[in-house]
PDB file of N, CA and C in Angstrom:
ATOM      1  N   MET A   1       0.819  -1.209  -0.045  1.00  0.00           N
ATOM      2  CA  MET A   1      -0.024  -0.054   0.022  1.00  0.00           C
ATOM      3  C   MET A   1       0.864   1.249   0.002  1.00  0.00           C
ATOM      4  N   PRO A   2       0.640   2.269  -0.740  1.00  0.00           N
ATOM      5  CA  PRO A   2       1.372   3.365  -0.863  1.00  0.00           C
ATOM      6  C   PRO A   2       1.099   4.343   0.280  1.00  0.00           C
ATOM      7  N   THR A   3       2.004   5.184   0.520  1.00  0.00           N
ATOM      8  CA  THR A   3       1.763   6.242   1.483  1.00  0.00           C
ATOM      9  C   THR A   3       1.517   7.488   0.786  1.00  0.00           C
ATOM     10  N   TYR A   4       0.291   8.129   1.117  1.00  0.00           N
ATOM     11  CA  TYR A   4       0.019   9.359   0.629  1.00  0.00           C
ATOM     12  C   TYR A   4       0.289  10.505   1.646  1.00  0.00           C
ATOM     13  N   GLU A   5       0.664  11.837   1.069  1.00  0.00           N
ATOM     14  CA  GLU A   5       0.666  12.885   2.114  1.00  0.00           C
ATOM     15  C   GLU A   5      -0.551  13.966   1.907  1.00  0.00           C
ATOM     16  N   TYR A   6      -0.928  14.364   3.059  1.00  0.00           N
ATOM     17  CA  TYR A   6      -2.183  15.227   3.029  1.00  0.00           C
ATOM     18  C   TYR A   6      -1.625  16.460   3.590  1.00  0.00           C
ATOM     19  N   GLN A   7      -2.161  17.681   3.193  1.00  0.00           N
ATOM     20  CA  GLN A   7      -1.796  19.007   3.682  1.00  0.00           C
ATOM     21  C   GLN A   7      -3.130  19.490   4.343  1.00  0.00           C
ATOM     22  N   CYS A   8      -2.989  20.042   5.670  1.00  0.00           N
ATOM     23  CA  CYS A   8      -4.112  20.669   6.245  1.00  0.00           C
ATOM     24  C   CYS A   8      -4.180  22.112   5.633  1.00  0.00           C
ATOM     25  N   GLU A   9      -5.447  22.338   5.336  1.00  0.00           N
ATOM     26  CA  GLU A   9      -5.802  23.708   4.580  1.00  0.00           C
ATOM     27  C   GLU A   9      -5.676  24.873   5.547  1.00  0.00           C
ATOM     28  N   ARG A  10      -5.779  24.518   6.918  1.00  0.00           N
ATOM     29  CA  ARG A  10      -5.770  25.700   7.972  1.00  0.00           C
ATOM     30  C   ARG A  10      -4.389  26.097   8.321  1.00  0.00           C
ATOM     31  N   CYS A  11      -3.547  25.103   8.645  1.00  0.00           N
ATOM     32  CA  CYS A  11      -2.248  25.364   9.166  1.00  0.00           C
ATOM     33  C   CYS A  11      -1.198  24.931   8.266  1.00  0.00           C
ATOM     34  N   ASP A  12      -1.394  24.416   7.098  1.00  0.00           N
ATOM     35  CA  ASP A  12      -0.247  23.883   6.140  1.00  0.00           C
ATOM     36  C   ASP A  12       0.485  22.586   6.689  1.00  0.00           C
ATOM     37  N   GLY A  13      -0.065  22.101   7.929  1.00  0.00           N
ATOM     38  CA  GLY A  13       0.604  20.911   8.314  1.00  0.00           C
ATOM     39  C   GLY A  13       0.503  19.558   7.325  1.00  0.00           C
ATOM     40  N   VAL A  14       1.490  18.886   7.289  1.00  0.00           N
ATOM     41  CA  VAL A  14       1.511  17.730   6.438  1.00  0.00           C
ATOM     42  C   VAL A  14       1.501  16.424   7.216  1.00  0.00           C
ATOM     43  N   ARG A  15       0.539  15.552   6.646  1.00  0.00           N
ATOM     44  CA  ARG A  15       0.475  14.308   7.408  1.00  0.00           C
ATOM     45  C   ARG A  15       0.655  13.018   6.345  1.00  0.00           C
ATOM     46  N   GLU A  16       1.249  11.930   6.769  1.00  0.00           N
ATOM     47  CA  GLU A  16       1.304  10.795   5.907  1.00  0.00           C
ATOM     48  C   GLU A  16       0.211   9.827   6.305  1.00  0.00           C
ATOM     49  N   LEU A  17      -0.396   9.151   5.082  1.00  0.00           N
ATOM     50  CA  LEU A  17      -1.377   8.314   5.465  1.00  0.00           C
ATOM     51  C   LEU A  17      -1.274   6.976   4.606  1.00  0.00           C
ATOM     52  N   LEU A  18      -1.239   5.870   5.114  1.00  0.00           N
ATOM     53  CA  LEU A  18      -1.178   4.541   4.423  1.00  0.00           C
ATOM     54  C   LEU A  18      -2.470   4.254   3.961  1.00  0.00           C
ATOM     55  N   GLN A  19      -2.641   4.190   2.621  1.00  0.00           N
ATOM     56  CA  GLN A  19      -3.974   3.827   2.050  1.00  0.00           C
ATOM     57  C   GLN A  19      -3.703   2.859   0.760  1.00  0.00           C
ATOM     58  N   PRO A  20      -4.837   2.037   0.472  1.00  0.00           N
ATOM     59  CA  PRO A  20      -4.871   1.362  -0.847  1.00  0.00           C
ATOM     60  C   PRO A  20      -4.865   2.234  -1.890  1.00  0.00           C
ATOM     61  N   ILE A  21      -4.331   1.686  -3.138  1.00  0.00           N
ATOM     62  CA  ILE A  21      -4.420   2.507  -4.208  1.00  0.00           C
ATOM     63  C   ILE A  21      -5.773   2.820  -4.705  1.00  0.00           C
ATOM     64  N   THR A  22      -6.686   1.832  -4.466  1.00  0.00           N
ATOM     65  CA  THR A  22      -8.171   2.051  -4.941  1.00  0.00           C
ATOM     66  C   THR A  22      -8.918   2.990  -4.039  1.00  0.00           C
ATOM     67  N   ALA A  23      -8.334   3.470  -2.823  1.00  0.00           N
ATOM     68  CA  ALA A  23      -9.091   4.422  -1.960  1.00  0.00           C
ATOM     69  C   ALA A  23      -9.247   5.617  -2.467  1.00  0.00           C
ATOM     70  N   LYS A  24     -10.299   6.336  -2.322  1.00  0.00           N
ATOM     71  CA  LYS A  24     -10.424   7.868  -2.696  1.00  0.00           C
ATOM     72  C   LYS A  24      -9.722   8.725  -1.724  1.00  0.00           C
ATOM     73  N   ALA A  25      -9.309   9.899  -2.372  1.00  0.00           N
ATOM     74  CA  ALA A  25      -8.647  10.894  -1.422  1.00  0.00           C
ATOM     75  C   ALA A  25      -9.516  11.369  -0.160  1.00  0.00           C
ATOM     76  N   LYS A  26      -8.908  11.455   0.869  1.00  0.00           N
ATOM     77  CA  LYS A  26      -9.770  11.956   2.141  1.00  0.00           C
ATOM     78  C   LYS A  26      -9.988  13.401   1.848  1.00  0.00           C
ATOM     79  N   ARG A  27     -11.179  13.866   2.501  1.00  0.00           N
ATOM     80  CA  ARG A  27     -11.494  15.303   2.414  1.00  0.00           C
ATOM     81  C   ARG A  27     -11.173  16.001   3.532  1.00  0.00           C
ATOM     82  N   ARG A  28     -11.312  15.270   4.797  1.00  0.00           N
ATOM     83  CA  ARG A  28     -11.120  15.851   6.089  1.00  0.00           C
ATOM     84  C   ARG A  28     -10.193  14.920   6.953  1.00  0.00           C
ATOM     85  N   LEU A  29      -9.234  15.463   7.604  1.00  0.00           N
ATOM     86  CA  LEU A  29      -8.473  14.654   8.391  1.00  0.00           C
ATOM     87  C   LEU A  29      -8.001  15.363   9.662  1.00  0.00           C
ATOM     88  N   ARG A  30      -7.691  14.518  10.717  1.00  0.00           N
ATOM     89  CA  ARG A  30      -7.126  15.225  11.976  1.00  0.00           C
ATOM     90  C   ARG A  30      -5.722  15.696  11.758  1.00  0.00           C
ATOM     91  N   CYS A  31      -5.561  16.962  11.888  1.00  0.00           N
ATOM     92  CA  CYS A  31      -4.184  17.431  11.615  1.00  0.00           C
ATOM     93  C   CYS A  31      -3.224  17.212  12.695  1.00  0.00           C
ATOM     94  N   GLU A  32      -2.080  16.647  12.524  1.00  0.00           N
ATOM     95  CA  GLU A  32      -1.247  16.365  13.700  1.00  0.00           C
ATOM     96  C   GLU A  32      -0.404  17.662  14.131  1.00  0.00           C
ATOM     97  N   LYS A  33      -0.579  18.702  13.353  1.00  0.00           N
ATOM     98  CA  LYS A  33      -0.080  19.971  13.767  1.00  0.00           C
ATOM     99  C   LYS A  33      -0.854  20.864  14.670  1.00  0.00           C
ATOM    100  N   CYS A  34      -2.232  21.027  14.258  1.00  0.00           N
ATOM    101  CA  CYS A  34      -2.873  21.795  14.997  1.00  0.00           C
ATOM    102  C   CYS A  34      -4.033  20.956  15.776  1.00  0.00           C
ATOM    103  N   GLY A  35      -4.020  19.834  15.488  1.00  0.00           N
ATOM    104  CA  GLY A  35      -4.995  18.871  16.373  1.00  0.00           C
ATOM    105  C   GLY A  35      -6.359  18.745  16.092  1.00  0.00           C
ATOM    106  N   GLU A  36      -6.753  19.338  15.147  1.00  0.00           N
ATOM    107  CA  GLU A  36      -8.234  19.511  14.799  1.00  0.00           C
ATOM    108  C   GLU A  36      -8.512  18.846  13.472  1.00  0.00           C
ATOM    109  N   VAL A  37     -10.016  18.391  13.235  1.00  0.00           N
ATOM    110  CA  VAL A  37     -10.244  17.743  12.139  1.00  0.00           C
ATOM    111  C   VAL A  37     -10.577  18.889  11.042  1.00  0.00           C
ATOM    112  N   THR A  38      -9.716  19.046   9.969  1.00  0.00           N
ATOM    113  CA  THR A  38      -9.916  20.088   9.092  1.00  0.00           C
ATOM    114  C   THR A  38      -9.935  19.664   7.714  1.00  0.00           C
ATOM    115  N   PRO A  39     -10.299  20.417   6.786  1.00  0.00           N
ATOM    116  CA  PRO A  39     -10.113  20.188   5.294  1.00  0.00           C
ATOM    117  C   PRO A  39      -8.817  19.924   4.957  1.00  0.00           C
ATOM    118  N   CYS A  40      -8.634  18.990   4.100  1.00  0.00           N
ATOM    119  CA  CYS A  40      -7.215  18.646   3.638  1.00  0.00           C
ATOM    120  C   CYS A  40      -7.064  18.374   2.193  1.00  0.00           C
ATOM    121  N   ARG A  41      -5.958  18.363   1.546  1.00  0.00           N
ATOM    122  CA  ARG A  41      -5.667  18.083   0.162  1.00  0.00           C
ATOM    123  C   ARG A  41      -4.662  17.100   0.043  1.00  0.00           C
ATOM    124  N   ARG A  42      -4.801  16.125  -0.995  1.00  0.00           N
ATOM    125  CA  ARG A  42      -3.728  15.165  -1.042  1.00  0.00           C
ATOM    126  C   ARG A  42      -2.689  15.790  -2.042  1.00  0.00           C
ATOM    127  N   LEU A  43      -1.318  15.639  -1.620  1.00  0.00           N
ATOM    128  CA  LEU A  43      -0.312  16.232  -2.271  1.00  0.00           C
ATOM    129  C   LEU A  43       0.161  15.220  -3.326  1.00  0.00           C
ATOM    130  N   ILE A  44       0.775  15.786  -4.394  1.00  0.00           N
ATOM    131  CA  ILE A  44       1.382  14.802  -5.432  1.00  0.00           C
ATOM    132  C   ILE A  44       2.637  14.557  -4.996  1.00  0.00           C
ATOM    133  N   GLY A  45       2.913  13.201  -4.820  1.00  0.00           N
ATOM    134  CA  GLY A  45       4.161  12.667  -4.306  1.00  0.00           C
ATOM    135  C   GLY A  45       5.142  12.382  -5.466  1.00  0.00           C
ATOM    136  N   GLY A  46       6.326  12.176  -4.963  1.00  0.00           N
ATOM    137  CA  GLY A  46       7.430  11.962  -5.874  1.00  0.00           C
ATOM    138  C   GLY A  46       7.320  10.291  -6.448  1.00  0.00           C
ATOM    139  N   GLY A  47       6.508   9.638  -5.812  1.00  0.00           N
ATOM    140  CA  GLY A  47       6.381   8.152  -6.185  1.00  0.00           C
ATOM    141  C   GLY A  47       7.224   7.274  -5.307  1.00  0.00           C
ATOM    142  N   GLY A  48       7.090   6.116  -5.479  1.00  0.00           N
ATOM    143  CA  GLY A  48       7.859   5.095  -4.702  1.00  0.00           C
ATOM    144  C   GLY A  48       9.204   4.860  -5.326  1.00  0.00           C
ATOM    145  N   ALA A  49      10.198   4.388  -4.490  1.00  0.00           N
ATOM    146  CA  ALA A  49      11.617   4.174  -4.882  1.00  0.00           C
ATOM    147  C   ALA A  49      12.076   2.955  -4.137  1.00  0.00           C
ATOM    148  N   VAL A  50      13.060   2.375  -4.832  1.00  0.00           N
ATOM    149  CA  VAL A  50      13.777   1.380  -4.290  1.00  0.00           C
ATOM    150  C   VAL A  50      14.733   1.894  -3.403  1.00  0.00           C
ATOM    151  N   LEU A  51      14.830   1.555  -1.984  1.00  0.00           N
ATOM    152  CA  LEU A  51      15.779   2.047  -1.033  1.00  0.00           C
ATOM    153  C   LEU A  51      16.815   0.878  -0.888  1.00  0.00           C
ATOM    154  N   PHE A  52      18.029   1.283  -1.027  1.00  0.00           N
ATOM    155  CA  PHE A  52      19.164   0.284  -0.691  1.00  0.00           C
ATOM    156  C   PHE A  52      19.951   1.001   0.489  1.00  0.00           C
ATOM    157  N   ARG A  53      19.615   0.019   1.517  1.00  0.00           N
ATOM    158  CA  ARG A  53      20.224   0.317   2.877  1.00  0.00           C
ATOM    159  C   ARG A  53      21.335  -0.596   3.274  1.00  0.00           C
ATOM    160  N   GLY A  54      22.341  -0.223   4.077  1.00  0.00           N
ATOM    161  CA  GLY A  54      23.398  -1.091   4.442  1.00  0.00           C
ATOM    162  C   GLY A  54      24.612  -0.675   3.735  1.00  0.00           C
ATOM    163  N   SER A  55      25.406  -1.710   3.822  1.00  0.00           N
ATOM    164  CA  SER A  55      26.867  -1.527   3.220  1.00  0.00           C
ATOM    165  C   SER A  55      26.895  -1.604   1.822  1.00  0.00           C
ATOM    166  N   GLY A  56      25.853  -2.112   1.205  1.00  0.00           N
ATOM    167  CA  GLY A  56      25.919  -2.203  -0.148  1.00  0.00           C
ATOM    168  C   GLY A  56      25.885  -3.581  -0.704  1.00  0.00           C
ATOM    169  N   PHE A  57      25.042  -3.796  -1.779  1.00  0.00           N
ATOM    170  CA  PHE A  57      24.793  -5.069  -2.350  1.00  0.00           C
ATOM    171  C   PHE A  57      25.928  -5.532  -3.166  1.00  0.00           C
ATOM    172  N   TYR A  58      26.659  -4.690  -3.771  1.00  0.00           N
ATOM    173  CA  TYR A  58      27.712  -5.089  -4.562  1.00  0.00           C
ATOM    174  C   TYR A  58      28.622  -5.874  -3.992  1.00  0.00           C
ATOM    175  N   GLU A  59      28.932  -5.720  -2.573  1.00  0.00           N
ATOM    176  CA  GLU A  59      29.789  -6.501  -1.840  1.00  0.00           C
ATOM    177  C   GLU A  59      29.653  -8.048  -1.970  1.00  0.00           C
ATOM    178  N   THR A  60      28.272  -8.333  -1.991  1.00  0.00           N
ATOM    179  CA  THR A  60      28.045  -9.776  -1.936  1.00  0.00           C
ATOM    180  C   THR A  60      27.805 -10.280  -3.373  1.00  0.00           C
ATOM    181  N   ASP A  61      27.756  -9.425  -4.424  1.00  0.00           N
ATOM    182  CA  ASP A  61      27.509  -9.821  -5.688  1.00  0.00           C
ATOM    183  C   ASP A  61      28.735 -10.042  -6.551  1.00  0.00           C
ATOM    184  N   TYR A  62      29.732  -9.168  -6.332  1.00  0.00           N
ATOM    185  CA  TYR A  62      30.923  -9.139  -7.016  1.00  0.00           C
ATOM    186  C   TYR A  62      32.008  -9.263  -6.054  1.00  0.00           C
ATOM    187  N   ARG A  63      32.506 -10.474  -5.721  1.00  0.00           N
ATOM    188  CA  ARG A  63      33.503 -10.669  -4.825  1.00  0.00           C
ATOM    189  C   ARG A  63      34.935 -10.264  -5.163  1.00  0.00           C
ATOM    190  N   SER A  64      35.836  -9.924  -4.395  1.00  0.00           N
ATOM    191  CA  SER A  64      37.153  -9.529  -4.860  1.00  0.00           C
ATOM    192  C   SER A  64      38.105 -11.004  -5.006  1.00  0.00           C
ATOM    193  N   GLU A  65      39.017 -10.787  -5.747  1.00  0.00           N
ATOM    194  CA  GLU A  65      40.068 -11.855  -6.071  1.00  0.00           C
ATOM    195  C   GLU A  65      40.324 -12.650  -4.791  1.00  0.00           C
ATOM    196  N   SER A  66      40.945 -11.882  -3.744  1.00  0.00           N
ATOM    197  CA  SER A  66      41.299 -12.402  -2.449  1.00  0.00           C
ATOM    198  C   SER A  66      40.222 -13.213  -1.701  1.00  0.00           C
ATOM    199  N   TYR A  67      38.980 -12.694  -1.814  1.00  0.00           N
ATOM    200  CA  TYR A  67      37.895 -13.460  -1.258  1.00  0.00           C
ATOM    201  C   TYR A  67      37.688 -14.902  -1.829  1.00  0.00           C
ATOM    202  N   LYS A  68      37.762 -14.825  -3.280  1.00  0.00           N
ATOM    203  CA  LYS A  68      37.578 -15.924  -4.142  1.00  0.00           C
ATOM    204  C   LYS A  68      38.641 -17.084  -3.695  1.00  0.00           C
ATOM    205  N   ARG A  69      40.004 -16.587  -3.609  1.00  0.00           N
ATOM    206  CA  ARG A  69      41.197 -17.493  -3.245  1.00  0.00           C
ATOM    207  C   ARG A  69      40.786 -17.996  -1.892  1.00  0.00           C
ATOM    208  N   ASP A  70      40.426 -17.303  -0.854  1.00  0.00           N
ATOM    209  CA  ASP A  70      40.223 -17.903   0.552  1.00  0.00           C
ATOM    210  C   ASP A  70      39.021 -18.828   0.513  1.00  0.00           C
ATOM    211  N   ALA A  71      38.008 -18.379  -0.266  1.00  0.00           N
ATOM    212  CA  ALA A  71      36.850 -19.286  -0.291  1.00  0.00           C
ATOM    213  C   ALA A  71      37.202 -20.636  -0.965  1.00  0.00           C
ATOM    214  N   LYS A  72      38.021 -20.647  -1.928  1.00  0.00           N
ATOM    215  CA  LYS A  72      38.468 -21.957  -2.544  1.00  0.00           C
ATOM    216  C   LYS A  72      39.306 -22.875  -1.649  1.00  0.00           C
ATOM    217  N   LYS A  73      40.078 -22.170  -0.799  1.00  0.00           N
ATOM    218  CA  LYS A  73      40.928 -22.927   0.275  1.00  0.00           C
ATOM    219  C   LYS A  73      40.053 -23.483   1.269  1.00  0.00           C
ATOM    220  N   ASP A  74      39.149 -22.690   1.685  1.00  0.00           N
ATOM    221  CA  ASP A  74      38.177 -23.171   2.664  1.00  0.00           C
ATOM    222  C   ASP A  74      37.371 -24.378   2.091  1.00  0.00           C
ATOM    223  N   ALA A  75      36.987 -24.308   0.881  1.00  0.00           N
ATOM    224  CA  ALA A  75      36.243 -25.380   0.243  1.00  0.00           C
ATOM    225  C   ALA A  75      37.057 -26.715   0.248  1.00  0.00           C
ATOM    226  N   GLU A  76      38.284 -26.617  -0.205  1.00  0.00           N
ATOM    227  CA  GLU A  76      39.185 -27.703  -0.186  1.00  0.00           C
ATOM    228  C   GLU A  76      39.600 -28.371   1.116  1.00  0.00           C
ATOM    229  N   ALA A  77      39.546 -27.531   2.074  1.00  0.00           N
ATOM    230  CA  ALA A  77      39.903 -27.958   3.524  1.00  0.00           C
ATOM    231  C   ALA A  77      38.715 -28.682   4.080  1.00  0.00           C
ATOM    232  N   SER A  78      37.533 -28.230   3.612  1.00  0.00           N
ATOM    233  CA  SER A  78      36.293 -28.897   4.283  1.00  0.00           C
ATOM    234  C   SER A  78      35.801 -30.105   3.612  1.00  0.00           C
ATOM    235  N   LYS A  79      36.472 -30.587   2.556  1.00  0.00           N
ATOM    236  CA  LYS A  79      36.137 -31.733   1.836  1.00  0.00           C
ATOM    237  C   LYS A  79      36.377 -33.000   2.731  1.00  0.00           C
ATOM    238  N   PRO A  80      35.496 -34.067   2.638  1.00  0.00           N
ATOM    239  CA  PRO A  80      35.806 -35.281   3.433  1.00  0.00           C
ATOM    240  C   PRO A  80      37.127 -35.858   3.196  1.00  0.00           C
ATOM    241  N   LYS A  81      37.748 -36.358   4.199  1.00  0.00           N
ATOM    242  CA  LYS A  81      39.169 -36.937   4.294  1.00  0.00           C
ATOM    243  C   LYS A  81      39.204 -38.044   3.271  1.00  0.00           C
ATOM    244  N   SER A  82      38.164 -38.873   3.036  1.00  0.00           N
ATOM    245  CA  SER A  82      38.261 -39.930   2.010  1.00  0.00           C
ATOM    246  C   SER A  82      38.385 -39.529   0.590  1.00  0.00           C
ATOM    247  N   GLU A  83      37.868 -38.455   0.192  1.00  0.00           N
ATOM    248  CA  GLU A  83      38.162 -37.742  -1.110  1.00  0.00           C
ATOM    249  C   GLU A  83      39.662 -37.255  -1.216  1.00  0.00           C
ATOM    250  N   ASN A  84      40.123 -36.572  -0.126  1.00  0.00           N
ATOM    251  CA  ASN A  84      41.416 -36.083  -0.097  1.00  0.00           C
ATOM    252  C   ASN A  84      42.489 -37.327  -0.305  1.00  0.00           C
ATOM    253  N   LYS A  85      42.216 -38.514   0.220  1.00  0.00           N
ATOM    254  CA  LYS A  85      43.155 -39.638   0.157  1.00  0.00           C
ATOM    255  C   LYS A  85      43.180 -40.171  -1.253  1.00  0.00           C
ATOM    256  N   LYS A  86      41.911 -40.183  -1.811  1.00  0.00           N
ATOM    257  CA  LYS A  86      41.676 -40.734  -3.264  1.00  0.00           C
ATOM    258  C   LYS A  86      42.672 -39.974  -4.291  1.00  0.00           C
ATOM    259  N   GLU A  87      42.725 -38.563  -3.950  1.00  0.00           N
ATOM    260  CA  GLU A  87      43.239 -37.589  -4.954  1.00  0.00           C
ATOM    261  C   GLU A  87      44.941 -37.866  -4.749  1.00  0.00           C
ATOM    262  N   LYS A  88      45.342 -38.122  -3.597  1.00  0.00           N
ATOM    263  CA  LYS A  88      46.865 -38.264  -3.375  1.00  0.00           C
ATOM    264  C   LYS A  88      47.427 -39.452  -4.023  1.00  0.00           C
ATOM    265  N   LYS A  89      46.447 -40.508  -4.241  1.00  0.00           N
ATOM    266  CA  LYS A  89      47.025 -41.857  -4.918  1.00  0.00           C
ATOM    267  C   LYS A  89      47.408 -41.783  -6.236  1.00  0.00           C
TER     268      LYS A  89
END
């Protein structure tokens, strides 16, 4: 469900409201700034966006060469011992 912004016509306070897309725009809401139920108008928003938070997705998608070497060593070390003996013969 998208978040819509409504502006109080009395004090110009802005309030966010979570509504289904199919819902009609509200005509009156309780303003968070002045505390009264007043006429309001829905503002035109910038639209939804994808938010990437954290240290970055590229770090897990594109590994460095040193990481690949270390991962290969770990994989070889974690193989069952029976496979390691067969390879040495």
